[in-house]
Each structure stands twice: as C-alpha cells, then as structure tokens.
Amino acid sequence: MVIVTVRDNEPFEKALRRFRRKVEREGIRKDIKKNSFYLKPGEKRRLKQRLAEKRRRKAARRAARKPIMKGPTAA
C-alpha cells in the first residue's frame, strides 16, 4: 500500500507526482496489468519464452555494437 502525506503548503500536483513515482517503483501498475486478464498456462509459457528470446536478441545486438578491443591499442 502506497501512502503519500501531503506536506503543508505543498501543491497537489507535486504530491501526485510523488505518489505516481512510488506506485511505479513498487511495481503496482505492472502487477495490475499482468493480472487484468486470464492467461492459460500454455499461453503464459509461450509469452515467457517470447520475452526471453526478445531479451537475448537485444543483448546480442548490444554485444555486437561494442568494440572488440579494450584498453590501449598496440600500433
């Protein structure tokens, strides 16, 4: 449960921003989105596999962009 106390003479918008940051940090929105509809176990497994493959491809792209040689060059 996220609790934000509004301080004296604090604008409502500022308190609302703090509340949103806390909600985001605790992963509440992500959890609500995940549980908003039912996924069958097989669908959940396939989704998990697709996300893992996406992360692997992204990591491979990042690794390909990095320079191979590190440190001073011997020229």
N, C-alpha and C. Protein backbone atom coordinates (compact mmCIF):
# COMPACT_ATOMS: atom_id res chain seq x y z
N MET A 1 0.84 -1.17 0.00
CA MET A 1 0.00 0.00 0.00
C MET A 1 0.89 1.24 0.00
N VAL A 2 0.61 2.13 -0.90
CA VAL A 2 1.40 3.34 -1.04
C VAL A 2 0.73 4.48 -0.28
N ILE A 3 1.49 5.11 0.59
CA ILE A 3 0.96 6.24 1.36
C ILE A 3 1.84 7.45 1.09
N VAL A 4 1.22 8.55 0.72
CA VAL A 4 1.91 9.80 0.50
C VAL A 4 1.25 10.85 1.35
N THR A 5 2.01 11.45 2.25
CA THR A 5 1.45 12.52 3.08
C THR A 5 1.73 13.85 2.41
N VAL A 6 0.69 14.65 2.31
CA VAL A 6 0.81 15.97 1.70
C VAL A 6 1.31 16.93 2.77
N ARG A 7 2.43 17.58 2.48
CA ARG A 7 3.04 18.50 3.44
C ARG A 7 2.33 19.84 3.42
N ASP A 8 2.60 20.65 4.43
CA ASP A 8 2.00 21.99 4.49
C ASP A 8 2.46 22.82 3.30
N ASN A 9 1.54 23.54 2.71
CA ASN A 9 1.82 24.44 1.59
C ASN A 9 2.45 23.72 0.39
N GLU A 10 2.17 22.42 0.25
CA GLU A 10 2.69 21.68 -0.91
C GLU A 10 1.61 21.62 -1.98
N PRO A 11 1.95 21.93 -3.21
CA PRO A 11 0.93 21.84 -4.26
C PRO A 11 0.48 20.39 -4.47
N PHE A 12 -0.77 20.24 -4.83
CA PHE A 12 -1.35 18.92 -5.04
C PHE A 12 -0.61 18.18 -6.15
N GLU A 13 -0.21 18.90 -7.21
CA GLU A 13 0.46 18.27 -8.34
C GLU A 13 1.78 17.61 -7.93
N LYS A 14 2.49 18.26 -7.03
CA LYS A 14 3.77 17.72 -6.57
C LYS A 14 3.55 16.44 -5.76
N ALA A 15 2.54 16.43 -4.92
CA ALA A 15 2.22 15.23 -4.14
C ALA A 15 1.76 14.11 -5.06
N LEU A 16 1.01 14.46 -6.08
CA LEU A 16 0.54 13.46 -7.04
C LEU A 16 1.72 12.84 -7.79
N ARG A 17 2.72 13.67 -8.14
CA ARG A 17 3.93 13.15 -8.81
C ARG A 17 4.68 12.18 -7.90
N ARG A 18 4.78 12.53 -6.61
CA ARG A 18 5.45 11.63 -5.66
C ARG A 18 4.69 10.31 -5.55
N PHE A 19 3.37 10.39 -5.53
CA PHE A 19 2.54 9.18 -5.46
C PHE A 19 2.78 8.30 -6.69
N ARG A 20 2.78 8.90 -7.86
CA ARG A 20 2.99 8.13 -9.10
C ARG A 20 4.35 7.46 -9.12
N ARG A 21 5.38 8.18 -8.65
CA ARG A 21 6.72 7.60 -8.60
C ARG A 21 6.77 6.40 -7.67
N LYS A 22 6.13 6.53 -6.50
CA LYS A 22 6.10 5.42 -5.55
C LYS A 22 5.38 4.21 -6.12
N VAL A 23 4.25 4.46 -6.78
CA VAL A 23 3.48 3.36 -7.39
C VAL A 23 4.32 2.67 -8.45
N GLU A 24 5.01 3.44 -9.27
CA GLU A 24 5.85 2.87 -10.32
C GLU A 24 7.00 2.08 -9.72
N ARG A 25 7.63 2.61 -8.68
CA ARG A 25 8.77 1.96 -8.05
C ARG A 25 8.38 0.62 -7.43
N GLU A 26 7.18 0.55 -6.87
CA GLU A 26 6.75 -0.69 -6.22
C GLU A 26 6.15 -1.69 -7.20
N GLY A 27 6.00 -1.31 -8.46
CA GLY A 27 5.54 -2.25 -9.48
C GLY A 27 4.05 -2.55 -9.42
N ILE A 28 3.27 -1.65 -8.86
CA ILE A 28 1.83 -1.90 -8.72
C ILE A 28 1.15 -1.88 -10.07
N ARG A 29 1.49 -0.92 -10.92
CA ARG A 29 0.86 -0.84 -12.25
C ARG A 29 1.17 -2.07 -13.08
N LYS A 30 2.43 -2.53 -12.99
CA LYS A 30 2.84 -3.72 -13.74
C LYS A 30 2.05 -4.94 -13.27
N ASP A 31 1.84 -5.06 -11.96
CA ASP A 31 1.10 -6.18 -11.39
C ASP A 31 -0.37 -6.13 -11.80
N ILE A 32 -0.96 -4.96 -11.79
CA ILE A 32 -2.37 -4.82 -12.19
C ILE A 32 -2.54 -5.19 -13.66
N LYS A 33 -1.62 -4.73 -14.49
CA LYS A 33 -1.69 -5.02 -15.92
C LYS A 33 -1.54 -6.53 -16.16
N LYS A 34 -0.63 -7.16 -15.41
CA LYS A 34 -0.39 -8.59 -15.57
C LYS A 34 -1.62 -9.41 -15.19
N ASN A 35 -2.34 -8.98 -14.15
CA ASN A 35 -3.48 -9.73 -13.64
C ASN A 35 -4.82 -9.23 -14.17
N SER A 36 -4.80 -8.37 -15.19
CA SER A 36 -6.07 -7.81 -15.67
C SER A 36 -6.87 -8.81 -16.50
N PHE A 37 -6.22 -9.86 -17.03
CA PHE A 37 -6.95 -10.88 -17.78
C PHE A 37 -6.27 -12.22 -17.55
N TYR A 38 -7.01 -13.30 -17.80
CA TYR A 38 -6.51 -14.64 -17.53
C TYR A 38 -5.73 -15.18 -18.72
N LEU A 39 -4.57 -15.75 -18.45
CA LEU A 39 -3.79 -16.44 -19.47
C LEU A 39 -3.74 -17.92 -19.10
N LYS A 40 -4.02 -18.75 -20.10
CA LYS A 40 -3.91 -20.18 -19.85
C LYS A 40 -2.44 -20.51 -19.63
N PRO A 41 -2.16 -21.57 -18.88
CA PRO A 41 -0.77 -21.91 -18.58
C PRO A 41 0.12 -22.03 -19.82
N GLY A 42 -0.39 -22.62 -20.89
CA GLY A 42 0.40 -22.75 -22.12
C GLY A 42 0.70 -21.40 -22.74
N GLU A 43 -0.30 -20.51 -22.73
CA GLU A 43 -0.09 -19.16 -23.28
C GLU A 43 0.93 -18.40 -22.45
N LYS A 44 0.85 -18.57 -21.13
CA LYS A 44 1.78 -17.90 -20.22
C LYS A 44 3.21 -18.36 -20.51
N ARG A 45 3.37 -19.68 -20.73
CA ARG A 45 4.69 -20.24 -21.02
C ARG A 45 5.23 -19.71 -22.34
N ARG A 46 4.38 -19.66 -23.38
CA ARG A 46 4.81 -19.16 -24.69
C ARG A 46 5.18 -17.67 -24.61
N LEU A 47 4.41 -16.91 -23.85
CA LEU A 47 4.71 -15.49 -23.68
C LEU A 47 6.06 -15.31 -22.99
N LYS A 48 6.30 -16.12 -21.97
CA LYS A 48 7.56 -16.05 -21.24
C LYS A 48 8.73 -16.39 -22.17
N GLN A 49 8.56 -17.41 -23.02
CA GLN A 49 9.61 -17.79 -23.97
C GLN A 49 9.86 -16.68 -24.98
N ARG A 50 8.79 -16.04 -25.48
CA ARG A 50 8.95 -14.95 -26.44
C ARG A 50 9.70 -13.78 -25.82
N LEU A 51 9.36 -13.44 -24.58
CA LEU A 51 10.05 -12.33 -23.90
C LEU A 51 11.52 -12.66 -23.66
N ALA A 52 11.82 -13.92 -23.31
CA ALA A 52 13.21 -14.33 -23.10
C ALA A 52 13.99 -14.23 -24.40
N GLU A 53 13.39 -14.65 -25.51
CA GLU A 53 14.04 -14.57 -26.83
C GLU A 53 14.29 -13.11 -27.21
N LYS A 54 13.33 -12.26 -26.92
CA LYS A 54 13.48 -10.83 -27.20
C LYS A 54 14.66 -10.25 -26.42
N ARG A 55 14.78 -10.63 -25.13
CA ARG A 55 15.91 -10.16 -24.32
C ARG A 55 17.24 -10.66 -24.86
N ARG A 56 17.29 -11.94 -25.31
CA ARG A 56 18.52 -12.49 -25.88
C ARG A 56 18.94 -11.76 -27.15
N ARG A 57 17.95 -11.48 -28.02
CA ARG A 57 18.26 -10.74 -29.26
C ARG A 57 18.78 -9.35 -28.95
N LYS A 58 18.15 -8.69 -27.98
CA LYS A 58 18.58 -7.35 -27.59
C LYS A 58 20.00 -7.38 -27.04
N ALA A 59 20.32 -8.37 -26.20
CA ALA A 59 21.66 -8.50 -25.64
C ALA A 59 22.68 -8.77 -26.74
N ALA A 60 22.30 -9.58 -27.73
CA ALA A 60 23.20 -9.88 -28.84
C ALA A 60 23.47 -8.63 -29.66
N ARG A 61 22.44 -7.81 -29.88
CA ARG A 61 22.63 -6.55 -30.63
C ARG A 61 23.58 -5.63 -29.88
N ARG A 62 23.40 -5.54 -28.57
CA ARG A 62 24.28 -4.68 -27.77
C ARG A 62 25.71 -5.19 -27.80
N ALA A 63 25.89 -6.51 -27.72
CA ALA A 63 27.23 -7.08 -27.74
C ALA A 63 27.89 -6.86 -29.09
N ALA A 64 27.13 -6.88 -30.16
CA ALA A 64 27.68 -6.68 -31.50
C ALA A 64 28.13 -5.24 -31.70
N ARG A 65 27.49 -4.30 -31.02
CA ARG A 65 27.85 -2.89 -31.18
C ARG A 65 29.10 -2.51 -30.41
N LYS A 66 29.40 -3.23 -29.33
CA LYS A 66 30.55 -2.88 -28.50
C LYS A 66 31.85 -3.16 -29.25
N PRO A 67 32.88 -2.33 -29.05
CA PRO A 67 34.17 -2.60 -29.69
C PRO A 67 34.80 -3.87 -29.11
N ILE A 68 35.48 -4.62 -29.96
CA ILE A 68 36.07 -5.89 -29.54
C ILE A 68 37.30 -5.66 -28.68
N MET A 69 38.15 -4.71 -29.08
CA MET A 69 39.39 -4.44 -28.35
C MET A 69 39.13 -3.44 -27.23
N LYS A 70 39.69 -3.72 -26.08
CA LYS A 70 39.58 -2.82 -24.96
C LYS A 70 40.97 -2.42 -24.51
N GLY A 71 41.10 -1.25 -23.96
CA GLY A 71 42.38 -0.79 -23.47
C GLY A 71 43.19 -0.14 -24.58
N PRO A 72 44.48 0.14 -24.31
CA PRO A 72 45.31 0.81 -25.31
C PRO A 72 45.60 -0.13 -26.48
N THR A 73 45.68 0.45 -27.66
CA THR A 73 45.94 -0.34 -28.87
C THR A 73 47.44 -0.44 -29.10
N ALA A 74 47.87 -1.55 -29.66
CA ALA A 74 49.30 -1.76 -29.95
C ALA A 74 49.55 -1.40 -31.40
N ALA A 75 49.81 -0.12 -31.67
CA ALA A 75 50.02 0.32 -33.05
C ALA A 75 51.37 0.93 -33.24
